[in-house]
């Protein structure tokens, strides 16, 4: 597994307590499906080295972070 994928999974695990702290009910089936879809989409970006271009993948993550207000 790519180190960056582990970072994404860690980020998802860090967000779980944040949603619980807000007192909102979480639809875990939908959230799990969304997490899988997001990770699959991310893994489709070619970040192999060389050339090691991660610009598109970083932009994808930036869009998610901005959309979620993180």
N, C-alpha and C. Protein backbone atom coordinates (compact mmCIF):
# COMPACT_ATOMS: atom_id res chain seq x y z
N UNK A 1 0.85 -1.17 0.00
CA UNK A 1 0.00 0.00 0.00
C UNK A 1 0.90 1.23 0.00
N UNK A 2 0.52 2.20 -0.78
CA UNK A 2 1.30 3.42 -0.87
C UNK A 2 1.24 4.18 0.46
N UNK A 3 2.35 4.81 0.85
CA UNK A 3 2.34 5.59 2.09
C UNK A 3 1.25 6.66 2.10
N UNK A 4 0.98 7.24 0.94
CA UNK A 4 -0.02 8.30 0.89
C UNK A 4 -1.41 7.74 1.15
N UNK A 5 -1.66 6.51 0.72
CA UNK A 5 -2.95 5.87 0.99
C UNK A 5 -3.15 5.70 2.49
N UNK A 6 -2.07 5.36 3.17
CA UNK A 6 -2.16 5.23 4.62
C UNK A 6 -2.51 6.57 5.26
N UNK A 7 -1.98 7.64 4.70
CA UNK A 7 -2.31 8.96 5.23
C UNK A 7 -3.79 9.26 5.06
N UNK A 8 -4.34 8.88 3.92
CA UNK A 8 -5.77 9.11 3.67
C UNK A 8 -6.61 8.31 4.67
N UNK A 9 -6.25 7.05 4.85
CA UNK A 9 -6.99 6.24 5.80
C UNK A 9 -6.90 6.81 7.21
N UNK A 10 -5.72 7.29 7.59
CA UNK A 10 -5.56 7.91 8.91
C UNK A 10 -6.44 9.15 9.02
N UNK A 11 -6.49 9.93 7.96
CA UNK A 11 -7.33 11.13 7.96
C UNK A 11 -8.80 10.75 8.17
N UNK A 12 -9.24 9.70 7.50
CA UNK A 12 -10.62 9.26 7.66
C UNK A 12 -10.90 8.82 9.10
N UNK A 13 -9.94 8.12 9.71
CA UNK A 13 -10.12 7.70 11.09
C UNK A 13 -10.10 8.88 12.05
N UNK A 14 -9.37 9.92 11.71
CA UNK A 14 -9.35 11.11 12.55
C UNK A 14 -10.67 11.88 12.47
N UNK A 15 -11.35 11.77 11.35
CA UNK A 15 -12.60 12.49 11.18
C UNK A 15 -13.76 11.84 11.93
N UNK A 16 -13.66 10.57 12.23
CA UNK A 16 -14.74 9.88 12.93
C UNK A 16 -15.04 10.51 14.28
N UNK A 17 -14.04 10.73 15.15
CA UNK A 17 -14.35 11.38 16.43
C UNK A 17 -14.90 12.80 16.25
N UNK A 18 -14.47 13.48 15.23
CA UNK A 18 -14.96 14.84 14.99
C UNK A 18 -16.45 14.84 14.70
N UNK A 19 -16.92 13.88 13.92
CA UNK A 19 -18.35 13.83 13.62
C UNK A 19 -19.14 13.40 14.85
N UNK A 20 -18.58 12.53 15.66
CA UNK A 20 -19.25 12.10 16.88
C UNK A 20 -19.36 13.26 17.86
N UNK A 21 -18.34 14.09 17.91
CA UNK A 21 -18.34 15.23 18.83
C UNK A 21 -19.41 16.25 18.45
N UNK A 22 -19.79 16.30 17.19
CA UNK A 22 -20.81 17.24 16.76
C UNK A 22 -22.21 16.76 17.10
N UNK A 23 -22.34 15.53 17.60
CA UNK A 23 -23.63 15.02 18.01
C UNK A 23 -24.54 14.65 16.86
N UNK A 24 -23.99 14.40 15.70
CA UNK A 24 -24.79 14.04 14.54
C UNK A 24 -24.77 12.53 14.36
N UNK A 25 -25.91 12.01 13.93
CA UNK A 25 -25.96 10.60 13.59
C UNK A 25 -25.21 10.40 12.27
N UNK A 26 -24.44 9.33 12.22
CA UNK A 26 -23.65 9.04 11.03
C UNK A 26 -24.22 7.80 10.35
N UNK A 27 -24.48 7.91 9.07
CA UNK A 27 -24.91 6.76 8.27
C UNK A 27 -23.64 6.03 7.84
N UNK A 28 -23.25 5.02 8.63
CA UNK A 28 -21.97 4.37 8.41
C UNK A 28 -21.90 3.63 7.08
N UNK A 29 -23.01 3.09 6.60
CA UNK A 29 -22.99 2.42 5.29
C UNK A 29 -22.66 3.42 4.20
N UNK A 30 -23.32 4.56 4.23
CA UNK A 30 -23.07 5.59 3.21
C UNK A 30 -21.67 6.16 3.36
N UNK A 31 -21.26 6.39 4.60
CA UNK A 31 -19.93 6.95 4.84
C UNK A 31 -18.85 5.98 4.39
N UNK A 32 -19.03 4.70 4.70
CA UNK A 32 -18.07 3.69 4.28
C UNK A 32 -18.00 3.58 2.77
N UNK A 33 -19.16 3.62 2.11
CA UNK A 33 -19.18 3.57 0.65
C UNK A 33 -18.52 4.78 0.03
N UNK A 34 -18.76 5.95 0.63
CA UNK A 34 -18.13 7.17 0.13
C UNK A 34 -16.62 7.11 0.31
N UNK A 35 -16.18 6.58 1.44
CA UNK A 35 -14.73 6.47 1.69
C UNK A 35 -14.08 5.54 0.69
N UNK A 36 -14.74 4.42 0.40
CA UNK A 36 -14.20 3.47 -0.58
C UNK A 36 -14.14 4.11 -1.96
N UNK A 37 -15.21 4.78 -2.36
CA UNK A 37 -15.24 5.44 -3.67
C UNK A 37 -14.14 6.49 -3.78
N UNK A 38 -13.97 7.28 -2.71
CA UNK A 38 -12.95 8.33 -2.72
C UNK A 38 -11.56 7.73 -2.82
N UNK A 39 -11.30 6.68 -2.05
CA UNK A 39 -9.99 6.05 -2.09
C UNK A 39 -9.73 5.42 -3.45
N UNK A 40 -10.74 4.77 -4.04
CA UNK A 40 -10.58 4.18 -5.37
C UNK A 40 -10.27 5.26 -6.41
N UNK A 41 -10.97 6.38 -6.33
CA UNK A 41 -10.73 7.49 -7.25
C UNK A 41 -9.29 8.00 -7.09
N UNK A 42 -8.86 8.15 -5.85
CA UNK A 42 -7.50 8.63 -5.59
C UNK A 42 -6.46 7.66 -6.14
N UNK A 43 -6.68 6.36 -5.97
CA UNK A 43 -5.70 5.37 -6.41
C UNK A 43 -5.57 5.30 -7.93
N UNK A 44 -6.52 5.86 -8.65
CA UNK A 44 -6.43 5.87 -10.12
C UNK A 44 -5.43 6.89 -10.64
N UNK A 45 -5.03 7.84 -9.81
CA UNK A 45 -4.03 8.82 -10.24
C UNK A 45 -2.67 8.14 -10.34
N UNK A 46 -1.96 8.43 -11.43
CA UNK A 46 -0.63 7.85 -11.62
C UNK A 46 0.39 8.69 -10.86
N UNK A 47 0.81 8.15 -9.72
CA UNK A 47 1.81 8.85 -8.90
C UNK A 47 3.10 8.04 -8.83
N UNK A 48 3.27 7.10 -9.77
CA UNK A 48 4.48 6.28 -9.75
C UNK A 48 5.69 7.13 -10.06
N UNK A 49 6.82 6.67 -9.59
CA UNK A 49 8.06 7.42 -9.76
C UNK A 49 8.99 6.62 -10.66
N UNK A 50 9.55 7.13 -11.75
CA UNK A 50 9.33 8.45 -12.30
C UNK A 50 8.04 8.50 -13.11
N UNK A 51 7.47 9.58 -13.40
CA UNK A 51 7.91 10.93 -13.11
C UNK A 51 7.54 11.40 -11.72
N UNK A 52 6.67 10.69 -11.01
CA UNK A 52 6.34 11.09 -9.66
C UNK A 52 5.49 12.34 -9.57
N UNK A 53 4.71 12.60 -10.61
CA UNK A 53 3.87 13.80 -10.62
C UNK A 53 2.63 13.55 -9.77
N UNK A 54 2.54 14.25 -8.68
CA UNK A 54 1.41 14.07 -7.76
C UNK A 54 0.48 15.28 -7.78
N UNK A 55 0.65 16.16 -8.76
CA UNK A 55 -0.14 17.39 -8.81
C UNK A 55 -1.64 17.11 -8.90
N UNK A 56 -2.04 16.20 -9.79
CA UNK A 56 -3.47 15.90 -9.94
C UNK A 56 -4.03 15.26 -8.67
N UNK A 57 -3.28 14.35 -8.07
CA UNK A 57 -3.74 13.70 -6.84
C UNK A 57 -3.86 14.72 -5.71
N UNK A 58 -2.91 15.62 -5.61
CA UNK A 58 -2.95 16.65 -4.57
C UNK A 58 -4.14 17.58 -4.79
N UNK A 59 -4.42 17.92 -6.04
CA UNK A 59 -5.58 18.76 -6.35
C UNK A 59 -6.88 18.08 -5.98
N UNK A 60 -6.96 16.77 -6.22
CA UNK A 60 -8.13 15.99 -5.86
C UNK A 60 -8.37 16.05 -4.35
N UNK A 61 -7.31 15.85 -3.58
CA UNK A 61 -7.43 15.90 -2.12
C UNK A 61 -7.74 17.31 -1.63
N UNK A 62 -7.15 18.30 -2.28
CA UNK A 62 -7.42 19.69 -1.90
C UNK A 62 -8.91 20.01 -2.10
N UNK A 63 -9.47 19.55 -3.21
CA UNK A 63 -10.90 19.78 -3.47
C UNK A 63 -11.77 19.17 -2.37
N UNK A 64 -11.42 17.97 -1.94
CA UNK A 64 -12.18 17.30 -0.88
C UNK A 64 -12.07 18.09 0.42
N UNK A 65 -10.87 18.48 0.76
CA UNK A 65 -10.63 19.22 2.01
C UNK A 65 -11.40 20.53 2.01
N UNK A 66 -11.36 21.25 0.90
CA UNK A 66 -12.08 22.52 0.82
C UNK A 66 -13.60 22.31 0.87
N UNK A 67 -14.08 21.30 0.14
CA UNK A 67 -15.52 21.02 0.10
C UNK A 67 -16.05 20.66 1.49
N UNK A 68 -15.26 19.93 2.26
CA UNK A 68 -15.68 19.49 3.59
C UNK A 68 -15.42 20.54 4.67
N UNK A 69 -14.75 21.63 4.29
CA UNK A 69 -14.48 22.69 5.26
C UNK A 69 -13.45 22.31 6.30
N UNK A 70 -12.50 21.50 5.90
CA UNK A 70 -11.45 21.06 6.83
C UNK A 70 -10.30 22.03 6.80
